[in-house]
């Protein structure tokens, strides 16, 4: 294992096939990646007080922070962080104890808080704040602080959700070569 992958209470991160993890990233604890994922410089992913699952072909871009919420009497399962397939997490995004579906683009500097659920096929604009426990409906662009449903995605935007993930798979393959 790389020195930037560390255990917490004896649990190490688990990588999928063909993952690229930048040397300037820190990943700790109960974190599992699907295949063809990439994690770029200065990302912190902490699966210490709950677990993190990241689907296939998802990418986490520079300076992002991914964390979880611990279990408590009020919240017996806490809030793990779950990210689906073909997800692009932009630069400096903060994801905390939320659920992100598949074919999602989270714009630069966005924050998605505890218990929020982002359905499949969603575009979250740069700088958007998704408050705790909000549910974002599939097929829309969300923007603002706090977030608002702006409009339905058009066909080009829906196609771009998958294309963005493919672009990052290609880029990580170049880095691995």
N, C-alpha and C. Protein backbone atom coordinates (compact mmCIF):
# COMPACT_ATOMS: atom_id res chain seq x y z
N UNK A 1 0.83 -1.19 0.00
CA UNK A 1 0.00 0.00 0.00
C UNK A 1 0.87 1.25 0.00
N UNK A 2 0.37 2.26 -0.65
CA UNK A 2 1.06 3.55 -0.69
C UNK A 2 1.03 4.17 0.70
N UNK A 3 2.02 5.00 1.00
CA UNK A 3 2.09 5.63 2.31
C UNK A 3 1.00 6.67 2.53
N UNK A 4 0.32 7.10 1.47
CA UNK A 4 -0.78 8.05 1.65
C UNK A 4 -2.11 7.35 1.90
N UNK A 5 -2.12 6.02 1.96
CA UNK A 5 -3.29 5.24 2.36
C UNK A 5 -3.00 4.71 3.75
N UNK A 6 -3.79 5.14 4.74
CA UNK A 6 -3.51 4.76 6.11
C UNK A 6 -4.71 4.07 6.75
N UNK A 7 -4.41 3.27 7.75
CA UNK A 7 -5.47 2.56 8.45
C UNK A 7 -6.02 3.42 9.58
N UNK A 8 -7.23 3.08 9.98
CA UNK A 8 -7.82 3.61 11.20
C UNK A 8 -8.43 2.42 11.93
N UNK A 9 -7.95 2.18 13.14
CA UNK A 9 -8.39 1.03 13.93
C UNK A 9 -8.28 -0.27 13.14
N UNK A 10 -7.18 -0.38 12.38
CA UNK A 10 -6.89 -1.61 11.65
C UNK A 10 -7.62 -1.77 10.33
N UNK A 11 -8.40 -0.79 9.91
CA UNK A 11 -9.13 -0.87 8.64
C UNK A 11 -8.43 0.02 7.62
N UNK A 12 -7.99 -0.61 6.50
CA UNK A 12 -7.30 0.11 5.43
C UNK A 12 -8.26 0.42 4.28
N UNK A 13 -8.00 1.50 3.56
CA UNK A 13 -8.76 1.75 2.32
C UNK A 13 -8.57 0.59 1.34
N UNK A 14 -9.58 0.35 0.51
CA UNK A 14 -9.56 -0.71 -0.50
C UNK A 14 -9.71 -0.08 -1.87
N UNK A 15 -8.75 -0.36 -2.74
CA UNK A 15 -8.79 0.19 -4.09
C UNK A 15 -9.41 -0.81 -5.06
N UNK A 16 -10.06 -0.28 -6.09
CA UNK A 16 -10.53 -1.10 -7.20
C UNK A 16 -9.41 -1.28 -8.21
N UNK A 17 -9.74 -1.81 -9.36
CA UNK A 17 -8.77 -2.01 -10.42
C UNK A 17 -8.50 -0.69 -11.15
N UNK A 18 -7.25 -0.50 -11.54
CA UNK A 18 -6.85 0.64 -12.37
C UNK A 18 -7.18 2.00 -11.74
N UNK A 19 -7.08 2.12 -10.43
CA UNK A 19 -7.29 3.41 -9.77
C UNK A 19 -6.02 4.24 -9.83
N UNK A 20 -6.17 5.55 -9.93
CA UNK A 20 -5.06 6.48 -9.81
C UNK A 20 -5.28 7.30 -8.54
N UNK A 21 -4.34 7.22 -7.60
CA UNK A 21 -4.39 7.98 -6.37
C UNK A 21 -3.13 8.85 -6.33
N UNK A 22 -3.29 10.15 -6.42
CA UNK A 22 -2.14 11.04 -6.41
C UNK A 22 -1.39 10.92 -5.09
N UNK A 23 -0.07 11.02 -5.17
CA UNK A 23 0.78 10.86 -3.98
C UNK A 23 0.52 11.93 -2.92
N UNK A 24 -0.04 13.08 -3.32
CA UNK A 24 -0.32 14.17 -2.39
C UNK A 24 -1.73 14.14 -1.83
N UNK A 25 -2.32 12.97 -1.83
CA UNK A 25 -3.66 12.75 -1.30
C UNK A 25 -3.54 11.91 -0.04
N UNK A 26 -4.48 12.08 0.90
CA UNK A 26 -4.53 11.26 2.11
C UNK A 26 -5.88 10.56 2.16
N UNK A 27 -5.84 9.23 2.28
CA UNK A 27 -7.06 8.43 2.37
C UNK A 27 -6.90 7.52 3.58
N UNK A 28 -7.88 7.57 4.48
CA UNK A 28 -7.75 6.89 5.76
C UNK A 28 -9.01 6.09 6.08
N UNK A 29 -8.81 4.87 6.57
CA UNK A 29 -9.89 4.09 7.18
C UNK A 29 -10.75 3.33 6.21
N UNK A 30 -12.04 3.25 6.52
CA UNK A 30 -13.00 2.40 5.82
C UNK A 30 -13.50 3.09 4.55
N UNK A 31 -12.65 3.06 3.53
CA UNK A 31 -12.94 3.69 2.24
C UNK A 31 -12.76 2.62 1.17
N UNK A 32 -13.78 2.43 0.33
CA UNK A 32 -13.69 1.46 -0.77
C UNK A 32 -13.98 2.15 -2.09
N UNK A 33 -13.10 1.87 -3.07
CA UNK A 33 -13.23 2.43 -4.41
C UNK A 33 -13.67 1.36 -5.39
N UNK A 34 -14.48 1.74 -6.37
CA UNK A 34 -14.74 0.89 -7.52
C UNK A 34 -13.56 0.96 -8.48
N UNK A 35 -13.75 0.43 -9.67
CA UNK A 35 -12.70 0.40 -10.69
C UNK A 35 -12.62 1.73 -11.45
N UNK A 36 -11.42 2.03 -11.96
CA UNK A 36 -11.18 3.17 -12.84
C UNK A 36 -11.47 4.52 -12.19
N UNK A 37 -11.26 4.62 -10.89
CA UNK A 37 -11.44 5.89 -10.17
C UNK A 37 -10.14 6.68 -10.17
N UNK A 38 -10.26 7.97 -9.94
CA UNK A 38 -9.08 8.81 -9.78
C UNK A 38 -9.30 9.79 -8.63
N UNK A 39 -8.20 10.02 -7.90
CA UNK A 39 -8.20 10.97 -6.79
C UNK A 39 -6.98 11.86 -7.01
N UNK A 40 -7.20 13.16 -7.10
CA UNK A 40 -6.20 14.11 -7.54
C UNK A 40 -5.53 14.80 -6.37
N UNK A 41 -4.54 15.69 -6.61
CA UNK A 41 -3.72 16.23 -5.51
C UNK A 41 -4.53 16.93 -4.42
N UNK A 42 -4.03 16.77 -3.20
CA UNK A 42 -4.48 17.49 -2.01
C UNK A 42 -5.92 17.18 -1.61
N UNK A 43 -6.37 15.98 -1.91
CA UNK A 43 -7.68 15.51 -1.47
C UNK A 43 -7.50 14.81 -0.13
N UNK A 44 -8.45 15.01 0.78
CA UNK A 44 -8.49 14.28 2.06
C UNK A 44 -9.79 13.48 2.10
N UNK A 45 -9.65 12.17 2.30
CA UNK A 45 -10.81 11.27 2.38
C UNK A 45 -10.67 10.50 3.69
N UNK A 46 -11.57 10.77 4.65
CA UNK A 46 -11.47 10.18 5.98
C UNK A 46 -12.68 9.30 6.29
N UNK A 47 -12.46 8.00 6.21
CA UNK A 47 -13.46 7.03 6.61
C UNK A 47 -13.15 6.52 8.00
N UNK A 48 -13.12 7.41 8.97
CA UNK A 48 -12.70 7.02 10.32
C UNK A 48 -13.88 6.70 11.23
N UNK A 49 -14.88 7.55 11.31
CA UNK A 49 -16.00 7.31 12.23
C UNK A 49 -17.23 6.73 11.53
N UNK A 50 -17.13 6.46 10.25
CA UNK A 50 -18.15 5.81 9.45
C UNK A 50 -17.47 5.42 8.14
N UNK A 51 -18.22 4.86 7.20
CA UNK A 51 -17.59 4.35 5.98
C UNK A 51 -17.87 5.24 4.77
N UNK A 52 -16.99 5.09 3.77
CA UNK A 52 -17.12 5.80 2.50
C UNK A 52 -17.05 4.76 1.38
N UNK A 53 -17.98 4.84 0.43
CA UNK A 53 -18.00 3.97 -0.75
C UNK A 53 -18.04 4.85 -1.99
N UNK A 54 -17.15 4.57 -2.94
CA UNK A 54 -17.04 5.35 -4.16
C UNK A 54 -17.17 4.40 -5.34
N UNK A 55 -18.12 4.66 -6.24
CA UNK A 55 -18.43 3.77 -7.35
C UNK A 55 -17.40 3.82 -8.47
N UNK A 56 -17.66 3.05 -9.50
CA UNK A 56 -16.79 2.92 -10.66
C UNK A 56 -16.71 4.23 -11.47
N UNK A 57 -15.51 4.48 -11.99
CA UNK A 57 -15.26 5.60 -12.91
C UNK A 57 -15.54 6.98 -12.30
N UNK A 58 -15.52 7.08 -11.00
CA UNK A 58 -15.73 8.37 -10.35
C UNK A 58 -14.40 9.04 -10.08
N UNK A 59 -14.40 10.37 -10.07
CA UNK A 59 -13.17 11.12 -9.86
C UNK A 59 -13.39 12.20 -8.82
N UNK A 60 -12.36 12.38 -7.99
CA UNK A 60 -12.38 13.37 -6.91
C UNK A 60 -11.24 14.34 -7.21
N UNK A 61 -11.58 15.58 -7.50
CA UNK A 61 -10.58 16.53 -7.98
C UNK A 61 -9.91 17.31 -6.85
N UNK A 62 -8.85 18.01 -7.22
CA UNK A 62 -7.91 18.67 -6.33
C UNK A 62 -8.57 19.44 -5.19
N UNK A 63 -8.03 19.20 -3.98
CA UNK A 63 -8.41 19.99 -2.81
C UNK A 63 -9.76 19.63 -2.19
N UNK A 64 -10.40 18.57 -2.64
CA UNK A 64 -11.70 18.19 -2.07
C UNK A 64 -11.53 17.49 -0.73
N UNK A 65 -12.58 17.57 0.10
CA UNK A 65 -12.60 16.93 1.40
C UNK A 65 -13.85 16.05 1.48
N UNK A 66 -13.64 14.77 1.81
CA UNK A 66 -14.73 13.81 1.95
C UNK A 66 -14.68 13.24 3.36
N UNK A 67 -15.80 13.36 4.09
CA UNK A 67 -15.85 12.86 5.46
C UNK A 67 -17.26 12.35 5.77
N UNK A 68 -17.45 11.88 6.98
CA UNK A 68 -18.65 11.16 7.40
C UNK A 68 -19.11 11.67 8.75
N UNK A 69 -20.32 11.22 9.16
CA UNK A 69 -20.85 11.55 10.47
C UNK A 69 -20.88 10.31 11.33
N UNK A 70 -20.42 10.44 12.56
CA UNK A 70 -20.38 9.28 13.46
C UNK A 70 -21.78 8.85 13.89
N UNK A 71 -21.87 7.61 14.33
CA UNK A 71 -23.10 7.06 14.88
C UNK A 71 -23.35 7.70 16.24
N UNK A 72 -24.64 7.89 16.57
CA UNK A 72 -24.99 8.48 17.86
C UNK A 72 -26.34 7.92 18.30
N UNK A 73 -26.73 8.28 19.49
CA UNK A 73 -28.04 7.85 19.99
C UNK A 73 -29.17 8.38 19.11
N UNK A 74 -29.05 9.64 18.70
CA UNK A 74 -30.07 10.25 17.83
C UNK A 74 -30.02 9.73 16.40
N UNK A 75 -28.83 9.29 15.98
CA UNK A 75 -28.63 8.84 14.60
C UNK A 75 -27.81 7.54 14.65
N UNK A 76 -28.48 6.40 14.90
CA UNK A 76 -27.77 5.14 15.17
C UNK A 76 -26.85 4.66 14.05
N UNK A 77 -27.13 5.02 12.80
CA UNK A 77 -26.23 4.59 11.72
C UNK A 77 -25.30 5.72 11.28
N UNK A 78 -25.45 6.90 11.88
CA UNK A 78 -24.65 8.04 11.46
C UNK A 78 -24.96 8.39 10.02
N UNK A 79 -24.00 8.99 9.37
CA UNK A 79 -24.14 9.29 7.94
C UNK A 79 -22.87 8.87 7.23
N UNK A 80 -22.89 7.69 6.58
CA UNK A 80 -21.76 7.34 5.73
C UNK A 80 -21.77 8.26 4.50
N UNK A 81 -20.73 8.17 3.71
CA UNK A 81 -20.66 8.91 2.44
C UNK A 81 -20.68 7.88 1.33
N UNK A 82 -21.67 7.99 0.45
CA UNK A 82 -21.82 7.04 -0.65
C UNK A 82 -21.85 7.84 -1.95
N UNK A 83 -20.97 7.46 -2.88
CA UNK A 83 -20.86 8.10 -4.19
C UNK A 83 -21.07 7.03 -5.24
N UNK A 84 -21.95 7.27 -6.20
CA UNK A 84 -22.26 6.29 -7.24
C UNK A 84 -21.21 6.19 -8.33
N UNK A 85 -21.63 5.67 -9.47
CA UNK A 85 -20.77 5.48 -10.64
C UNK A 85 -20.78 6.74 -11.51
N UNK A 86 -19.66 6.98 -12.20
CA UNK A 86 -19.57 8.06 -13.19
C UNK A 86 -19.85 9.43 -12.57
N UNK A 87 -19.26 9.67 -11.42
CA UNK A 87 -19.45 10.93 -10.70
C UNK A 87 -18.18 11.77 -10.82
N UNK A 88 -18.36 13.05 -11.13
CA UNK A 88 -17.26 14.01 -11.17
C UNK A 88 -17.44 14.95 -9.99
N UNK A 89 -16.45 14.92 -9.08
CA UNK A 89 -16.43 15.82 -7.93
C UNK A 89 -15.40 16.89 -8.24
N UNK A 90 -15.84 18.12 -8.46
CA UNK A 90 -14.96 19.20 -8.89
C UNK A 90 -13.97 19.63 -7.83
N UNK A 91 -13.12 20.56 -8.19
CA UNK A 91 -12.07 21.07 -7.30
C UNK A 91 -12.68 21.70 -6.05
N UNK A 92 -12.05 21.42 -4.89
CA UNK A 92 -12.40 22.02 -3.59
C UNK A 92 -13.84 21.78 -3.18
N UNK A 93 -14.39 20.63 -3.50
CA UNK A 93 -15.74 20.27 -3.05
C UNK A 93 -15.65 19.67 -1.65
N UNK A 94 -16.67 19.91 -0.84
CA UNK A 94 -16.78 19.27 0.47
C UNK A 94 -18.03 18.40 0.47
N UNK A 95 -17.82 17.10 0.70
CA UNK A 95 -18.93 16.15 0.83
C UNK A 95 -18.87 15.60 2.25
N UNK A 96 -19.98 15.70 2.98
CA UNK A 96 -19.98 15.26 4.37
C UNK A 96 -21.21 14.41 4.66
N UNK A 97 -21.01 13.11 4.80
CA UNK A 97 -22.07 12.21 5.22
C UNK A 97 -23.32 12.28 4.35
N UNK A 98 -23.14 12.31 3.05
CA UNK A 98 -24.27 12.43 2.12
C UNK A 98 -24.26 11.25 1.15
N UNK A 99 -25.31 11.17 0.34
CA UNK A 99 -25.42 10.12 -0.67
C UNK A 99 -25.52 10.79 -2.03
N UNK A 100 -24.59 10.42 -2.91
CA UNK A 100 -24.51 10.99 -4.26
C UNK A 100 -24.82 9.85 -5.23
N UNK A 101 -25.81 10.02 -6.08
CA UNK A 101 -26.18 8.99 -7.05
C UNK A 101 -25.14 8.84 -8.15
N UNK A 102 -25.55 8.29 -9.27
CA UNK A 102 -24.68 8.08 -10.43
C UNK A 102 -24.92 9.17 -11.48
N UNK A 103 -23.87 9.39 -12.29
CA UNK A 103 -23.91 10.40 -13.36
C UNK A 103 -24.25 11.78 -12.76
N UNK A 104 -23.37 12.19 -11.86
CA UNK A 104 -23.51 13.48 -11.17
C UNK A 104 -22.27 14.31 -11.46
N UNK A 105 -22.43 15.60 -11.62
CA UNK A 105 -21.31 16.52 -11.64
C UNK A 105 -21.52 17.51 -10.50
N UNK A 106 -20.57 17.54 -9.57
CA UNK A 106 -20.60 18.49 -8.46
C UNK A 106 -19.57 19.56 -8.77
N UNK A 107 -20.04 20.79 -9.00
CA UNK A 107 -19.18 21.88 -9.42
C UNK A 107 -18.21 22.33 -8.34
N UNK A 108 -17.19 23.04 -8.78
CA UNK A 108 -16.10 23.50 -7.91
C UNK A 108 -16.64 24.24 -6.69
N UNK A 109 -16.08 23.91 -5.53
CA UNK A 109 -16.41 24.63 -4.30
C UNK A 109 -17.77 24.35 -3.72
N UNK A 110 -18.50 23.40 -4.26
CA UNK A 110 -19.81 23.07 -3.71
C UNK A 110 -19.65 22.35 -2.37
N UNK A 111 -20.68 22.44 -1.53
CA UNK A 111 -20.73 21.77 -0.24
C UNK A 111 -22.03 21.00 -0.17
N UNK A 112 -21.94 19.70 0.12
CA UNK A 112 -23.13 18.86 0.29
C UNK A 112 -23.05 18.27 1.69
N UNK A 113 -24.07 18.57 2.50
CA UNK A 113 -24.01 18.30 3.94
C UNK A 113 -24.71 17.00 4.34
N UNK A 114 -24.59 16.69 5.62
CA UNK A 114 -25.06 15.45 6.22
C UNK A 114 -26.50 15.09 5.85
N UNK A 115 -26.69 13.87 5.43
CA UNK A 115 -28.02 13.34 5.17
C UNK A 115 -28.62 13.76 3.85
N UNK A 116 -27.97 14.66 3.11
CA UNK A 116 -28.48 15.06 1.80
C UNK A 116 -28.39 13.86 0.84
N UNK A 117 -29.34 13.78 -0.07
CA UNK A 117 -29.38 12.72 -1.07
C UNK A 117 -29.51 13.38 -2.44
N UNK A 118 -28.54 13.07 -3.30
CA UNK A 118 -28.56 13.59 -4.67
C UNK A 118 -28.92 12.42 -5.58
N UNK A 119 -30.09 12.48 -6.21
CA UNK A 119 -30.54 11.42 -7.11
C UNK A 119 -29.66 11.39 -8.36
N UNK A 120 -29.80 10.34 -9.17
CA UNK A 120 -29.01 10.18 -10.39
C UNK A 120 -29.25 11.35 -11.37
N UNK A 121 -28.25 11.58 -12.23
CA UNK A 121 -28.38 12.53 -13.34
C UNK A 121 -28.67 13.95 -12.86
N UNK A 122 -27.75 14.48 -12.07
CA UNK A 122 -27.90 15.83 -11.52
C UNK A 122 -26.61 16.61 -11.75
N UNK A 123 -26.76 17.90 -12.01
CA UNK A 123 -25.65 18.83 -12.15
C UNK A 123 -25.77 19.84 -11.02
N UNK A 124 -24.74 19.94 -10.17
CA UNK A 124 -24.73 20.88 -9.06
C UNK A 124 -23.72 21.96 -9.40
N UNK A 125 -24.18 23.19 -9.50
CA UNK A 125 -23.32 24.30 -9.93
C UNK A 125 -22.23 24.63 -8.94
N UNK A 126 -21.19 25.29 -9.43
CA UNK A 126 -20.07 25.71 -8.59
C UNK A 126 -20.57 26.57 -7.45
N UNK A 127 -20.02 26.33 -6.24
CA UNK A 127 -20.33 27.14 -5.08
C UNK A 127 -21.67 26.84 -4.43
N UNK A 128 -22.37 25.84 -4.90
CA UNK A 128 -23.69 25.52 -4.36
C UNK A 128 -23.58 24.90 -2.98
N UNK A 129 -24.49 25.28 -2.07
CA UNK A 129 -24.59 24.68 -0.75
C UNK A 129 -25.87 23.86 -0.68
N UNK A 130 -25.71 22.54 -0.47
CA UNK A 130 -26.86 21.66 -0.28
C UNK A 130 -26.98 21.41 1.22
N UNK A 131 -28.03 21.97 1.86
CA UNK A 131 -28.18 21.84 3.31
C UNK A 131 -28.45 20.39 3.75
N UNK A 132 -28.33 20.13 5.06
CA UNK A 132 -28.57 18.78 5.57
C UNK A 132 -29.94 18.25 5.19
N UNK A 133 -29.97 16.96 4.88
CA UNK A 133 -31.20 16.19 4.67
C UNK A 133 -32.03 16.61 3.47
N UNK A 134 -31.50 17.43 2.59
CA UNK A 134 -32.23 17.79 1.37
C UNK A 134 -32.14 16.63 0.38
N UNK A 135 -33.19 16.48 -0.44
CA UNK A 135 -33.21 15.47 -1.49
C UNK A 135 -33.30 16.20 -2.82
N UNK A 136 -32.32 15.95 -3.70
CA UNK A 136 -32.29 16.59 -5.00
C UNK A 136 -32.84 15.62 -6.04
N UNK A 137 -33.86 16.06 -6.74
CA UNK A 137 -34.56 15.24 -7.73
C UNK A 137 -33.70 15.05 -8.98
N UNK A 138 -33.82 13.88 -9.58
CA UNK A 138 -33.08 13.52 -10.78
C UNK A 138 -33.43 14.44 -11.95
N UNK A 139 -32.39 14.74 -12.77
CA UNK A 139 -32.62 15.43 -14.04
C UNK A 139 -32.60 16.94 -13.99
N UNK A 140 -32.04 17.52 -12.92
CA UNK A 140 -32.08 18.97 -12.77
C UNK A 140 -30.70 19.56 -12.51
N UNK A 141 -30.59 20.87 -12.79
CA UNK A 141 -29.47 21.70 -12.39
C UNK A 141 -29.86 22.37 -11.09
N UNK A 142 -28.97 22.32 -10.09
CA UNK A 142 -29.17 22.98 -8.81
C UNK A 142 -28.05 24.00 -8.62
N UNK A 143 -28.40 25.20 -8.15
CA UNK A 143 -27.42 26.26 -7.93
C UNK A 143 -27.80 27.05 -6.68
N UNK A 144 -26.84 27.78 -6.13
CA UNK A 144 -27.13 28.75 -5.09
C UNK A 144 -26.74 28.33 -3.69
N UNK A 145 -26.90 29.28 -2.77
CA UNK A 145 -26.57 29.08 -1.37
C UNK A 145 -27.65 29.74 -0.51
N UNK A 146 -28.62 28.95 -0.02
CA UNK A 146 -28.76 27.50 -0.19
C UNK A 146 -29.25 27.16 -1.60
N UNK A 147 -29.11 25.89 -1.95
CA UNK A 147 -29.39 25.46 -3.32
C UNK A 147 -30.87 25.63 -3.66
N UNK A 148 -31.07 25.87 -4.96
CA UNK A 148 -32.42 25.93 -5.53
C UNK A 148 -32.41 25.12 -6.81
N UNK A 149 -33.52 24.48 -7.11
CA UNK A 149 -33.67 23.78 -8.38
C UNK A 149 -33.81 24.83 -9.47
N UNK A 150 -32.82 24.92 -10.37
CA UNK A 150 -32.79 25.99 -11.37
C UNK A 150 -33.66 25.65 -12.59
N UNK A 151 -33.44 24.43 -13.14
CA UNK A 151 -34.16 24.05 -14.36
C UNK A 151 -33.84 22.60 -14.70
N UNK A 152 -34.64 22.00 -15.59
CA UNK A 152 -34.30 20.64 -16.05
C UNK A 152 -33.02 20.66 -16.89
N UNK A 153 -32.27 19.56 -16.85
CA UNK A 153 -31.10 19.42 -17.71
C UNK A 153 -31.54 19.18 -19.14
N UNK A 154 -30.79 19.75 -20.09
CA UNK A 154 -31.06 19.45 -21.49
C UNK A 154 -30.28 18.19 -21.90
N UNK A 155 -30.51 17.72 -23.11
CA UNK A 155 -29.88 16.47 -23.56
C UNK A 155 -28.35 16.56 -23.58
N UNK A 156 -27.81 17.71 -24.00
CA UNK A 156 -26.35 17.88 -24.02
C UNK A 156 -25.76 17.80 -22.61
N UNK A 157 -26.43 18.42 -21.65
CA UNK A 157 -25.94 18.39 -20.26
C UNK A 157 -26.01 16.97 -19.69
N UNK A 158 -27.08 16.25 -19.98
CA UNK A 158 -27.19 14.86 -19.51
C UNK A 158 -26.05 14.02 -20.09
N UNK A 159 -25.76 14.21 -21.37
CA UNK A 159 -24.67 13.46 -22.01
C UNK A 159 -23.32 13.84 -21.39
N UNK A 160 -23.16 15.11 -21.03
CA UNK A 160 -21.90 15.56 -20.45
C UNK A 160 -21.63 14.91 -19.10
N UNK A 161 -22.65 14.56 -18.34
CA UNK A 161 -22.45 13.92 -17.04
C UNK A 161 -21.61 12.65 -17.19
N UNK A 162 -21.93 11.83 -18.19
CA UNK A 162 -21.15 10.62 -18.45
C UNK A 162 -19.83 10.96 -19.12
N UNK A 163 -19.84 11.90 -20.05
CA UNK A 163 -18.61 12.26 -20.76
C UNK A 163 -17.54 12.79 -19.81
N UNK A 164 -17.94 13.56 -18.82
CA UNK A 164 -16.99 14.08 -17.84
C UNK A 164 -16.27 12.95 -17.12
N UNK A 165 -17.02 11.93 -16.72
CA UNK A 165 -16.40 10.76 -16.06
C UNK A 165 -15.45 10.05 -17.02
N UNK A 166 -15.86 9.88 -18.28
CA UNK A 166 -15.00 9.24 -19.28
C UNK A 166 -13.72 10.04 -19.48
N UNK A 167 -13.84 11.38 -19.52
CA UNK A 167 -12.65 12.23 -19.68
C UNK A 167 -11.64 11.97 -18.57
N UNK A 168 -12.13 11.80 -17.34
CA UNK A 168 -11.22 11.57 -16.21
C UNK A 168 -10.67 10.16 -16.20
N UNK A 169 -11.41 9.18 -16.71
CA UNK A 169 -10.86 7.83 -16.85
C UNK A 169 -9.68 7.87 -17.84
N UNK A 170 -9.86 8.57 -18.94
CA UNK A 170 -8.80 8.71 -19.94
C UNK A 170 -7.58 9.42 -19.34
N UNK A 171 -7.81 10.50 -18.58
CA UNK A 171 -6.71 11.23 -17.98
C UNK A 171 -5.96 10.38 -16.97
N UNK A 172 -6.66 9.65 -16.11
CA UNK A 172 -5.97 8.82 -15.12
C UNK A 172 -5.20 7.71 -15.81
N UNK A 173 -5.72 7.19 -16.95
CA UNK A 173 -4.96 6.18 -17.70
C UNK A 173 -3.65 6.76 -18.23
N UNK A 174 -3.67 8.03 -18.66
CA UNK A 174 -2.43 8.69 -19.09
C UNK A 174 -1.44 8.79 -17.93
N UNK A 175 -1.94 9.12 -16.74
CA UNK A 175 -1.07 9.21 -15.56
C UNK A 175 -0.52 7.84 -15.19
N UNK A 176 -1.33 6.80 -15.29
CA UNK A 176 -0.88 5.45 -14.94
C UNK A 176 0.15 4.92 -15.95
N UNK A 177 0.07 5.40 -17.20
CA UNK A 177 1.01 4.96 -18.23
C UNK A 177 2.37 5.55 -17.98
